[in-house]
C-alpha cells in the first residue's frame, strides 16, 4: 500500500517558485496572431490538421476542450493499430484485441 501512496505523490505537480502561467487565449486569437508570417501560418495549419480557427465547429454542442476521436498503438516492427473512438463506446468495450503473445488489450 505504501508503494501506491508514493506513486500517487509522484503525480502531484510541483510548484515552481516565481512561475506565473500566461493568460489563457482562445484558439482564434492564437491562429490570428502572426498572420503576416507565412511560415508560422503554415505551421499552425499543420498543427490544426486542416481545421479552421474554430474547432467548436466540429462539435458545437460539446463543451470539452479536447475531444479524442482516435487511439493509435504504434510498435516497432508491427502494423499500427488504430481504434476509432467516435462510435458506440459500449460496443468498443466488448471488442477485444489480442497480440501474438496472447496479451489482451
N, C-alpha and C. Protein backbone atom coordinates (compact mmCIF):
# COMPACT_ATOMS: atom_id res chain seq x y z
N UNK A 1 0.82 -1.20 0.00
CA UNK A 1 0.00 0.00 0.00
C UNK A 1 0.87 1.26 0.00
N UNK A 2 2.03 1.17 0.67
CA UNK A 2 2.92 2.33 0.71
C UNK A 2 3.43 2.66 -0.68
N UNK A 3 3.66 1.64 -1.50
CA UNK A 3 4.13 1.87 -2.87
C UNK A 3 3.11 2.68 -3.66
N UNK A 4 1.83 2.36 -3.50
CA UNK A 4 0.77 3.08 -4.22
C UNK A 4 0.73 4.54 -3.77
N UNK A 5 0.92 4.80 -2.47
CA UNK A 5 0.91 6.16 -1.96
C UNK A 5 2.06 6.96 -2.56
N UNK A 6 3.23 6.33 -2.66
CA UNK A 6 4.39 7.00 -3.25
C UNK A 6 4.13 7.32 -4.72
N UNK A 7 3.52 6.38 -5.44
CA UNK A 7 3.21 6.61 -6.85
C UNK A 7 2.21 7.76 -6.99
N UNK A 8 1.21 7.80 -6.11
CA UNK A 8 0.23 8.87 -6.17
C UNK A 8 0.87 10.23 -5.90
N UNK A 9 1.83 10.26 -4.97
CA UNK A 9 2.51 11.52 -4.66
C UNK A 9 3.33 12.01 -5.84
N UNK A 10 3.84 11.08 -6.65
CA UNK A 10 4.61 11.46 -7.83
C UNK A 10 3.74 12.17 -8.87
N UNK A 11 2.44 11.95 -8.82
CA UNK A 11 1.53 12.55 -9.80
C UNK A 11 1.14 13.98 -9.44
N UNK A 12 1.43 14.40 -8.23
CA UNK A 12 1.09 15.75 -7.81
C UNK A 12 2.12 16.72 -8.39
N UNK A 13 1.68 17.71 -9.16
CA UNK A 13 2.64 18.63 -9.77
C UNK A 13 3.37 19.46 -8.73
N UNK A 14 4.65 19.69 -8.98
CA UNK A 14 5.44 20.51 -8.08
C UNK A 14 5.27 21.98 -8.47
N UNK A 15 5.30 22.84 -7.49
CA UNK A 15 5.18 24.26 -7.75
C UNK A 15 6.57 24.83 -8.00
N UNK A 16 6.67 25.70 -8.99
CA UNK A 16 7.93 26.36 -9.29
C UNK A 16 7.84 27.79 -8.77
N UNK A 17 8.67 28.13 -7.79
CA UNK A 17 8.59 29.48 -7.23
C UNK A 17 8.83 30.55 -8.29
N UNK A 18 7.99 31.57 -8.30
CA UNK A 18 8.15 32.68 -9.23
C UNK A 18 7.52 32.46 -10.59
N UNK A 19 7.05 31.24 -10.88
CA UNK A 19 6.44 30.99 -12.18
C UNK A 19 5.01 31.49 -12.19
N UNK A 20 4.70 32.26 -13.20
CA UNK A 20 3.33 32.75 -13.36
C UNK A 20 2.87 32.31 -14.75
N UNK A 21 1.86 31.45 -14.83
CA UNK A 21 1.41 30.97 -16.15
C UNK A 21 0.85 32.12 -16.98
N UNK A 22 1.02 32.04 -18.29
CA UNK A 22 0.49 33.10 -19.15
C UNK A 22 -1.04 33.11 -19.12
N UNK A 23 -1.60 34.23 -19.51
CA UNK A 23 -3.06 34.36 -19.56
C UNK A 23 -3.61 33.42 -20.62
N UNK A 24 -4.80 32.89 -20.39
CA UNK A 24 -5.43 31.99 -21.35
C UNK A 24 -5.84 32.77 -22.59
N UNK A 25 -5.68 32.09 -23.75
CA UNK A 25 -6.09 32.67 -25.02
C UNK A 25 -6.96 31.65 -25.73
N UNK A 26 -7.94 32.14 -26.47
CA UNK A 26 -8.74 31.20 -27.24
C UNK A 26 -8.00 30.88 -28.55
N UNK A 27 -8.40 29.81 -29.19
CA UNK A 27 -7.72 29.34 -30.38
C UNK A 27 -7.74 30.36 -31.52
N UNK A 28 -8.84 31.07 -31.65
CA UNK A 28 -8.94 32.06 -32.73
C UNK A 28 -7.88 33.14 -32.56
N UNK A 29 -7.61 33.55 -31.33
CA UNK A 29 -6.59 34.57 -31.06
C UNK A 29 -5.21 34.05 -31.43
N UNK A 30 -4.93 32.81 -31.05
CA UNK A 30 -3.62 32.22 -31.35
C UNK A 30 -3.42 32.07 -32.85
N UNK A 31 -4.44 31.61 -33.56
CA UNK A 31 -4.33 31.41 -35.00
C UNK A 31 -4.16 32.74 -35.72
N UNK A 32 -4.86 33.77 -35.28
CA UNK A 32 -4.79 35.05 -35.98
C UNK A 32 -3.51 35.83 -35.66
N UNK A 33 -2.82 35.47 -34.58
CA UNK A 33 -1.56 36.15 -34.26
C UNK A 33 -0.52 35.78 -35.31
N UNK A 34 0.37 36.69 -35.61
CA UNK A 34 1.45 36.47 -36.58
C UNK A 34 0.93 36.11 -37.96
N UNK A 35 -0.19 36.67 -38.36
CA UNK A 35 -0.78 36.35 -39.66
C UNK A 35 0.11 36.79 -40.82
N UNK A 36 1.04 37.71 -40.56
CA UNK A 36 1.92 38.18 -41.63
C UNK A 36 3.14 37.27 -41.82
N UNK A 37 3.37 36.33 -40.92
CA UNK A 37 4.49 35.40 -41.03
C UNK A 37 4.02 34.11 -41.70
N UNK A 38 4.37 33.95 -42.98
CA UNK A 38 3.88 32.82 -43.77
C UNK A 38 4.27 31.47 -43.18
N UNK A 39 5.49 31.35 -42.65
CA UNK A 39 5.93 30.06 -42.10
C UNK A 39 5.15 29.70 -40.84
N UNK A 40 4.85 30.68 -40.00
CA UNK A 40 4.05 30.42 -38.79
C UNK A 40 2.62 30.05 -39.15
N UNK A 41 2.06 30.70 -40.14
CA UNK A 41 0.69 30.38 -40.59
C UNK A 41 0.64 28.94 -41.08
N UNK A 42 1.62 28.55 -41.88
CA UNK A 42 1.68 27.19 -42.41
C UNK A 42 1.86 26.18 -41.28
N UNK A 43 2.71 26.49 -40.30
CA UNK A 43 2.95 25.62 -39.15
C UNK A 43 1.66 25.43 -38.34
N UNK A 44 0.94 26.50 -38.10
CA UNK A 44 -0.31 26.43 -37.34
C UNK A 44 -1.36 25.61 -38.09
N UNK A 45 -1.41 25.74 -39.40
CA UNK A 45 -2.35 24.95 -40.19
C UNK A 45 -2.00 23.46 -40.10
N UNK A 46 -0.71 23.15 -40.09
CA UNK A 46 -0.27 21.76 -39.95
C UNK A 46 -0.68 21.20 -38.59
N UNK A 47 -0.49 21.98 -37.54
CA UNK A 47 -0.86 21.54 -36.19
C UNK A 47 -2.36 21.30 -36.06
N UNK A 48 -3.14 22.13 -36.70
CA UNK A 48 -4.60 22.01 -36.59
C UNK A 48 -5.17 20.91 -37.47
N UNK A 49 -4.38 20.36 -38.35
CA UNK A 49 -4.85 19.27 -39.20
C UNK A 49 -5.97 19.66 -40.13
N UNK A 50 -5.94 20.86 -40.64
CA UNK A 50 -6.96 21.28 -41.59
C UNK A 50 -8.16 21.96 -40.96
N UNK A 51 -8.24 22.02 -39.64
CA UNK A 51 -9.35 22.75 -39.01
C UNK A 51 -9.13 24.24 -39.14
N UNK A 52 -10.20 24.97 -39.13
CA UNK A 52 -10.04 26.42 -39.12
C UNK A 52 -9.84 26.88 -37.67
N UNK A 53 -9.97 28.15 -37.41
CA UNK A 53 -9.72 28.70 -36.08
C UNK A 53 -10.83 28.37 -35.09
N UNK A 54 -11.86 27.69 -35.50
CA UNK A 54 -12.98 27.38 -34.61
C UNK A 54 -13.21 25.88 -34.53
N UNK A 55 -12.47 25.18 -33.65
CA UNK A 55 -12.67 23.75 -33.54
C UNK A 55 -14.05 23.41 -33.00
N UNK A 56 -14.71 24.40 -32.39
CA UNK A 56 -16.07 24.17 -31.88
C UNK A 56 -17.00 23.82 -33.03
N UNK A 57 -16.63 24.20 -34.24
CA UNK A 57 -17.48 23.92 -35.39
C UNK A 57 -17.61 22.41 -35.63
N UNK A 58 -16.59 21.65 -35.25
CA UNK A 58 -16.64 20.21 -35.43
C UNK A 58 -17.64 19.58 -34.45
N UNK A 59 -17.68 20.07 -33.22
CA UNK A 59 -18.58 19.56 -32.18
C UNK A 59 -19.19 20.75 -31.44
N UNK A 60 -20.13 21.46 -32.03
CA UNK A 60 -20.64 22.69 -31.42
C UNK A 60 -21.35 22.49 -30.08
N UNK A 61 -21.93 21.31 -29.85
CA UNK A 61 -22.67 21.10 -28.61
C UNK A 61 -21.80 20.55 -27.49
N UNK A 62 -20.52 20.28 -27.75
CA UNK A 62 -19.64 19.66 -26.77
C UNK A 62 -18.76 20.71 -26.10
N UNK A 63 -18.87 20.90 -24.77
CA UNK A 63 -18.11 21.94 -24.09
C UNK A 63 -16.65 21.57 -23.81
N UNK A 64 -16.25 20.31 -24.06
CA UNK A 64 -14.88 19.91 -23.75
C UNK A 64 -13.88 20.62 -24.66
N UNK A 65 -12.68 20.81 -24.15
CA UNK A 65 -11.64 21.45 -24.94
C UNK A 65 -10.89 20.46 -25.81
N UNK A 66 -10.75 19.25 -25.34
CA UNK A 66 -10.06 18.21 -26.09
C UNK A 66 -11.01 17.05 -26.30
N UNK A 67 -11.15 16.61 -27.53
CA UNK A 67 -12.03 15.50 -27.86
C UNK A 67 -11.19 14.46 -28.58
N UNK A 68 -10.97 13.33 -27.93
CA UNK A 68 -10.16 12.26 -28.51
C UNK A 68 -11.06 11.44 -29.42
N UNK A 69 -10.71 11.37 -30.70
CA UNK A 69 -11.53 10.65 -31.66
C UNK A 69 -10.87 9.38 -32.16
N UNK A 70 -9.56 9.24 -31.92
CA UNK A 70 -8.87 8.05 -32.39
C UNK A 70 -7.72 7.73 -31.43
N UNK A 71 -7.49 6.44 -31.20
CA UNK A 71 -6.39 5.97 -30.37
C UNK A 71 -5.51 5.11 -31.26
N UNK A 72 -4.22 5.40 -31.28
CA UNK A 72 -3.31 4.63 -32.13
C UNK A 72 -2.23 3.98 -31.28
N UNK A 73 -1.96 2.72 -31.55
CA UNK A 73 -0.90 1.97 -30.89
C UNK A 73 0.17 1.71 -31.93
N UNK A 74 1.35 2.28 -31.72
CA UNK A 74 2.44 2.17 -32.68
C UNK A 74 3.59 1.43 -32.00
N UNK A 75 3.96 0.29 -32.56
CA UNK A 75 5.04 -0.53 -32.03
C UNK A 75 5.99 -0.85 -33.17
N UNK A 76 7.29 -0.69 -32.92
CA UNK A 76 8.29 -1.00 -33.96
C UNK A 76 8.15 -2.44 -34.41
N UNK A 77 8.19 -2.65 -35.71
CA UNK A 77 8.14 -3.99 -36.29
C UNK A 77 6.76 -4.61 -36.35
N UNK A 78 5.73 -3.85 -36.01
CA UNK A 78 4.36 -4.36 -36.03
C UNK A 78 3.48 -3.37 -36.77
N UNK A 79 2.41 -3.85 -37.37
CA UNK A 79 1.50 -2.89 -38.02
C UNK A 79 0.80 -2.02 -36.96
N UNK A 80 0.56 -0.79 -37.32
CA UNK A 80 -0.12 0.13 -36.40
C UNK A 80 -1.55 -0.32 -36.16
N UNK A 81 -2.03 -0.11 -34.94
CA UNK A 81 -3.40 -0.43 -34.58
C UNK A 81 -4.10 0.88 -34.26
N UNK A 82 -5.16 1.19 -35.00
CA UNK A 82 -5.92 2.41 -34.76
C UNK A 82 -7.33 2.05 -34.34
N UNK A 83 -7.80 2.72 -33.28
CA UNK A 83 -9.14 2.47 -32.76
C UNK A 83 -9.95 3.76 -32.88
N UNK A 84 -11.06 3.69 -33.60
CA UNK A 84 -11.95 4.83 -33.78
C UNK A 84 -12.82 4.98 -32.53
N UNK A 85 -12.75 6.13 -31.89
CA UNK A 85 -13.49 6.37 -30.65
C UNK A 85 -14.74 7.20 -30.86
N UNK A 86 -15.14 7.39 -32.11
CA UNK A 86 -16.31 8.22 -32.37
C UNK A 86 -17.61 7.43 -32.36
N UNK A 87 -17.53 6.11 -32.39
CA UNK A 87 -18.74 5.28 -32.43
C UNK A 87 -19.26 4.95 -31.04
N UNK A 88 -19.98 3.86 -30.95
CA UNK A 88 -20.57 3.41 -29.69
C UNK A 88 -19.48 2.84 -28.79
N UNK A 89 -19.17 3.52 -27.68
CA UNK A 89 -18.09 3.09 -26.80
C UNK A 89 -18.45 1.81 -26.04
N UNK A 90 -19.74 1.57 -25.81
CA UNK A 90 -20.13 0.32 -25.13
C UNK A 90 -19.79 -0.88 -26.00
N UNK A 91 -20.02 -0.77 -27.30
CA UNK A 91 -19.66 -1.85 -28.22
C UNK A 91 -18.15 -2.00 -28.30
N UNK A 92 -17.43 -0.90 -28.22
CA UNK A 92 -15.97 -0.93 -28.27
C UNK A 92 -15.40 -1.65 -27.05
N UNK A 93 -16.02 -1.45 -25.88
CA UNK A 93 -15.55 -2.11 -24.66
C UNK A 93 -15.69 -3.62 -24.76
N UNK A 94 -16.70 -4.09 -25.48
CA UNK A 94 -16.92 -5.53 -25.62
C UNK A 94 -15.93 -6.16 -26.59
N UNK A 95 -15.42 -5.34 -27.52
CA UNK A 95 -14.49 -5.84 -28.53
C UNK A 95 -13.11 -6.01 -27.90
N UNK A 96 -12.50 -7.17 -28.10
CA UNK A 96 -11.19 -7.44 -27.53
C UNK A 96 -10.18 -7.55 -28.67
N UNK A 97 -8.97 -7.17 -28.36
CA UNK A 97 -7.89 -7.30 -29.31
C UNK A 97 -6.78 -8.10 -28.64
N UNK A 98 -6.08 -8.91 -29.39
CA UNK A 98 -5.09 -9.78 -28.80
C UNK A 98 -3.83 -9.73 -29.66
N UNK A 99 -2.66 -9.60 -29.01
CA UNK A 99 -1.43 -9.63 -29.79
C UNK A 99 -0.87 -11.05 -29.85
N UNK A 100 0.27 -11.24 -30.49
CA UNK A 100 0.83 -12.57 -30.72
C UNK A 100 1.21 -13.28 -29.42
N UNK A 101 1.47 -12.55 -28.38
CA UNK A 101 1.83 -13.17 -27.09
C UNK A 101 0.59 -13.47 -26.27
N UNK A 102 -0.57 -13.28 -26.87
CA UNK A 102 -1.85 -13.54 -26.21
C UNK A 102 -2.12 -12.62 -25.03
N UNK A 103 -1.67 -11.39 -25.14
CA UNK A 103 -1.97 -10.40 -24.12
C UNK A 103 -3.22 -9.66 -24.57
N UNK A 104 -4.25 -9.67 -23.75
CA UNK A 104 -5.48 -8.96 -24.11
C UNK A 104 -5.27 -7.47 -23.96
N UNK A 105 -5.80 -6.73 -24.90
CA UNK A 105 -5.69 -5.27 -24.85
C UNK A 105 -7.09 -4.71 -24.69
